[in-house]
């Protein structure tokens, strides 16, 4: 069972439902850990290492080059999904919001033809990953 992680803006926590761990049948956890996993001890054992570049890029000022940087960092972090056949395509679109923060939308097409969409948005000055 893939246990659902819930982004709280300062890391993630497991979700309980009636005293049991809530499961998740989506790519949410994979996307969350790929984008926000940062540099951690498991990188020594992982073929696809993570870093903090995507999260750092989200804090850049809104300019056309910086929006492209955010998209490129997200694509780099999620490239393993294409390499391993988890996804047929990964599309990213970064834009600025009214609070002068960079947000990004991610659409993943699975080999089954299903699409999953996620967005990194700002709530109370914290970056939150949400399934769309």
C-alpha atoms as a PDB file:
ATOM      1  CA  UNK A   1       0.000   0.000   0.000  1.00  0.00           C
ATOM      2  CA  UNK A   2       1.222   3.477  -0.883  1.00  0.00           C
ATOM      3  CA  UNK A   3       0.665   5.566   2.246  1.00  0.00           C
ATOM      4  CA  UNK A   4      -0.690   9.062   1.574  1.00  0.00           C
ATOM      5  CA  UNK A   5       1.584  11.921   2.577  1.00  0.00           C
ATOM      6  CA  UNK A   6      -0.008  15.305   3.223  1.00  0.00           C
ATOM      7  CA  UNK A   7       2.026  18.426   2.565  1.00  0.00           C
ATOM      8  CA  UNK A   8       1.787  20.810   5.494  1.00  0.00           C
ATOM      9  CA  UNK A   9       4.047  23.485   4.007  1.00  0.00           C
ATOM     10  CA  UNK A  10       6.955  22.499   6.216  1.00  0.00           C
ATOM     11  CA  UNK A  11       7.383  18.872   5.207  1.00  0.00           C
ATOM     12  CA  UNK A  12       4.889  16.061   4.921  1.00  0.00           C
ATOM     13  CA  UNK A  13       3.056  13.859   7.352  1.00  0.00           C
ATOM     14  CA  UNK A  14       1.124  10.624   6.993  1.00  0.00           C
ATOM     15  CA  UNK A  15      -2.662  10.828   7.002  1.00  0.00           C
ATOM     16  CA  UNK A  16      -4.737   8.782   9.439  1.00  0.00           C
ATOM     17  CA  UNK A  17      -8.288   7.698   8.684  1.00  0.00           C
ATOM     18  CA  UNK A  18     -10.129   6.071  11.559  1.00  0.00           C
ATOM     19  CA  UNK A  19      -6.863   5.160  13.262  1.00  0.00           C
ATOM     20  CA  UNK A  20      -5.403   3.527  10.134  1.00  0.00           C
ATOM     21  CA  UNK A  21      -2.903   4.914   7.646  1.00  0.00           C
ATOM     22  CA  UNK A  22      -4.746   6.298   4.632  1.00  0.00           C
ATOM     23  CA  UNK A  23      -3.629   4.857   1.304  1.00  0.00           C
ATOM     24  CA  UNK A  24      -3.117   6.703  -1.959  1.00  0.00           C
ATOM     25  CA  UNK A  25      -3.363   5.289  -5.468  1.00  0.00           C
ATOM     26  CA  UNK A  26      -1.954   8.341  -7.253  1.00  0.00           C
ATOM     27  CA  UNK A  27       1.499   9.645  -8.103  1.00  0.00           C
ATOM     28  CA  UNK A  28       1.222  12.346  -5.414  1.00  0.00           C
ATOM     29  CA  UNK A  29       3.891  10.895  -3.108  1.00  0.00           C
ATOM     30  CA  UNK A  30       6.312  10.340  -5.984  1.00  0.00           C
ATOM     31  CA  UNK A  31       5.851  13.916  -7.204  1.00  0.00           C
ATOM     32  CA  UNK A  32       6.098  15.366  -3.687  1.00  0.00           C
ATOM     33  CA  UNK A  33       9.293  13.474  -2.815  1.00  0.00           C
ATOM     34  CA  UNK A  34      10.826  14.199  -6.220  1.00  0.00           C
ATOM     35  CA  UNK A  35      10.251  17.946  -5.928  1.00  0.00           C
ATOM     36  CA  UNK A  36      10.737  18.497  -2.200  1.00  0.00           C
ATOM     37  CA  UNK A  37      12.890  15.528  -1.098  1.00  0.00           C
ATOM     38  CA  UNK A  38      15.965  17.724  -1.120  1.00  0.00           C
ATOM     39  CA  UNK A  39      19.359  16.423  -0.185  1.00  0.00           C
ATOM     40  CA  UNK A  40      18.869  13.536   2.221  1.00  0.00           C
ATOM     41  CA  UNK A  41      20.548  10.392   3.485  1.00  0.00           C
ATOM     42  CA  UNK A  42      18.740   8.126   1.027  1.00  0.00           C
ATOM     43  CA  UNK A  43      20.478   9.846  -1.892  1.00  0.00           C
ATOM     44  CA  UNK A  44      23.513   7.652  -1.260  1.00  0.00           C
ATOM     45  CA  UNK A  45      21.411   4.635  -2.217  1.00  0.00           C
ATOM     46  CA  UNK A  46      19.246   6.184  -4.922  1.00  0.00           C
ATOM     47  CA  UNK A  47      19.894   6.033  -8.638  1.00  0.00           C
ATOM     48  CA  UNK A  48      17.907   9.251  -9.065  1.00  0.00           C
ATOM     49  CA  UNK A  49      19.224  11.666  -6.502  1.00  0.00           C
ATOM     50  CA  UNK A  50      17.219  14.658  -5.348  1.00  0.00           C
ATOM     51  CA  UNK A  51      18.410  18.137  -4.438  1.00  0.00           C
ATOM     52  CA  UNK A  52      16.897  21.381  -3.235  1.00  0.00           C
ATOM     53  CA  UNK A  53      17.184  23.246  -6.559  1.00  0.00           C
ATOM     54  CA  UNK A  54      13.468  23.154  -7.412  1.00  0.00           C
ATOM     55  CA  UNK A  55      12.381  24.549  -4.058  1.00  0.00           C
ATOM     56  CA  UNK A  56      15.082  27.240  -4.208  1.00  0.00           C
ATOM     57  CA  UNK A  57      13.913  28.236  -7.700  1.00  0.00           C
ATOM     58  CA  UNK A  58      10.347  28.765  -6.424  1.00  0.00           C
ATOM     59  CA  UNK A  59      11.689  31.603  -4.257  1.00  0.00           C
ATOM     60  CA  UNK A  60      13.189  33.533  -7.187  1.00  0.00           C
ATOM     61  CA  UNK A  61      11.617  36.799  -8.364  1.00  0.00           C
ATOM     62  CA  UNK A  62       9.033  36.426 -11.137  1.00  0.00           C
ATOM     63  CA  UNK A  63      10.811  36.919 -14.448  1.00  0.00           C
ATOM     64  CA  UNK A  64      10.497  35.007 -17.700  1.00  0.00           C
ATOM     65  CA  UNK A  65      13.935  33.355 -17.257  1.00  0.00           C
ATOM     66  CA  UNK A  66      13.117  32.394 -13.645  1.00  0.00           C
ATOM     67  CA  UNK A  67       9.786  30.842 -14.656  1.00  0.00           C
ATOM     68  CA  UNK A  68      11.672  28.759 -17.229  1.00  0.00           C
ATOM     69  CA  UNK A  69      14.206  27.812 -14.530  1.00  0.00           C
ATOM     70  CA  UNK A  70      11.402  26.544 -12.272  1.00  0.00           C
ATOM     71  CA  UNK A  71       9.968  24.479 -15.130  1.00  0.00           C
ATOM     72  CA  UNK A  72      13.415  23.056 -15.955  1.00  0.00           C
ATOM     73  CA  UNK A  73      14.118  22.153 -12.309  1.00  0.00           C
ATOM     74  CA  UNK A  74      10.729  20.433 -12.010  1.00  0.00           C
ATOM     75  CA  UNK A  75      11.335  18.521 -15.248  1.00  0.00           C
ATOM     76  CA  UNK A  76      14.780  17.460 -14.000  1.00  0.00           C
ATOM     77  CA  UNK A  77      13.313  16.270 -10.691  1.00  0.00           C
ATOM     78  CA  UNK A  78      10.546  14.296 -12.422  1.00  0.00           C
ATOM     79  CA  UNK A  79      12.636  12.904 -15.319  1.00  0.00           C
ATOM     80  CA  UNK A  80      12.999   9.548 -13.570  1.00  0.00           C
ATOM     81  CA  UNK A  81       9.275   8.957 -14.176  1.00  0.00           C
ATOM     82  CA  UNK A  82       9.909   9.024 -17.924  1.00  0.00           C
ATOM     83  CA  UNK A  83      13.106   6.969 -17.659  1.00  0.00           C
ATOM     84  CA  UNK A  84      11.389   4.254 -15.604  1.00  0.00           C
ATOM     85  CA  UNK A  85       8.176   4.173 -17.660  1.00  0.00           C
ATOM     86  CA  UNK A  86       6.002   5.503 -14.834  1.00  0.00           C
ATOM     87  CA  UNK A  87       4.878   8.331 -17.144  1.00  0.00           C
ATOM     88  CA  UNK A  88       4.567   8.792 -20.889  1.00  0.00           C
ATOM     89  CA  UNK A  89       4.864  12.553 -20.533  1.00  0.00           C
ATOM     90  CA  UNK A  90       5.424  15.226 -17.886  1.00  0.00           C
ATOM     91  CA  UNK A  91       4.338  18.785 -18.676  1.00  0.00           C
ATOM     92  CA  UNK A  92       5.101  21.766 -16.462  1.00  0.00           C
ATOM     93  CA  UNK A  93       3.853  25.352 -16.564  1.00  0.00           C
ATOM     94  CA  UNK A  94       5.176  28.006 -14.157  1.00  0.00           C
ATOM     95  CA  UNK A  95       3.538  31.389 -13.640  1.00  0.00           C
ATOM     96  CA  UNK A  96       3.391  34.245 -11.133  1.00  0.00           C
ATOM     97  CA  UNK A  97       0.489  34.811  -8.753  1.00  0.00           C
ATOM     98  CA  UNK A  98      -0.990  38.007  -7.317  1.00  0.00           C
ATOM     99  CA  UNK A  99       1.310  37.813  -4.276  1.00  0.00           C
ATOM    100  CA  UNK A 100       4.418  37.833  -6.533  1.00  0.00           C
ATOM    101  CA  UNK A 101       5.148  34.158  -5.902  1.00  0.00           C
ATOM    102  CA  UNK A 102       5.954  31.531  -8.502  1.00  0.00           C
ATOM    103  CA  UNK A 103       3.454  28.705  -8.822  1.00  0.00           C
ATOM    104  CA  UNK A 104       3.640  25.681 -11.112  1.00  0.00           C
ATOM    105  CA  UNK A 105       1.201  23.214 -12.623  1.00  0.00           C
ATOM    106  CA  UNK A 106       2.342  19.684 -13.480  1.00  0.00           C
ATOM    107  CA  UNK A 107       0.434  17.253 -15.694  1.00  0.00           C
ATOM    108  CA  UNK A 108       1.582  13.655 -15.920  1.00  0.00           C
ATOM    109  CA  UNK A 109       0.237  11.257 -18.522  1.00  0.00           C
ATOM    110  CA  UNK A 110       0.494   7.663 -17.369  1.00  0.00           C
ATOM    111  CA  UNK A 111       1.101   4.736 -19.753  1.00  0.00           C
ATOM    112  CA  UNK A 112      -2.545   3.768 -19.154  1.00  0.00           C
ATOM    113  CA  UNK A 113      -3.613   7.069 -20.746  1.00  0.00           C
ATOM    114  CA  UNK A 114      -4.797   8.555 -17.440  1.00  0.00           C
ATOM    115  CA  UNK A 115      -3.695  12.086 -16.618  1.00  0.00           C
ATOM    116  CA  UNK A 116      -2.821  13.307 -13.143  1.00  0.00           C
ATOM    117  CA  UNK A 117      -2.410  16.998 -12.373  1.00  0.00           C
ATOM    118  CA  UNK A 118      -0.640  18.643  -9.472  1.00  0.00           C
ATOM    119  CA  UNK A 119       0.107  22.231  -8.527  1.00  0.00           C
ATOM    120  CA  UNK A 120       2.534  23.906  -6.197  1.00  0.00           C
ATOM    121  CA  UNK A 121       0.674  26.843  -4.692  1.00  0.00           C
ATOM    122  CA  UNK A 122       1.313  29.256  -1.834  1.00  0.00           C
ATOM    123  CA  UNK A 123      -0.782  29.234   1.318  1.00  0.00           C
ATOM    124  CA  UNK A 124       0.169  31.400   4.286  1.00  0.00           C
ATOM    125  CA  UNK A 125       3.641  31.965   2.812  1.00  0.00           C
ATOM    126  CA  UNK A 126       4.282  28.198   2.542  1.00  0.00           C
ATOM    127  CA  UNK A 127       4.603  26.137  -0.619  1.00  0.00           C
ATOM    128  CA  UNK A 128       1.970  23.389  -0.786  1.00  0.00           C
ATOM    129  CA  UNK A 129       1.685  20.567  -3.340  1.00  0.00           C
ATOM    130  CA  UNK A 130      -1.932  19.823  -4.238  1.00  0.00           C
ATOM    131  CA  UNK A 131      -3.543  17.261  -6.488  1.00  0.00           C
ATOM    132  CA  UNK A 132      -5.781  19.027  -8.961  1.00  0.00           C
END
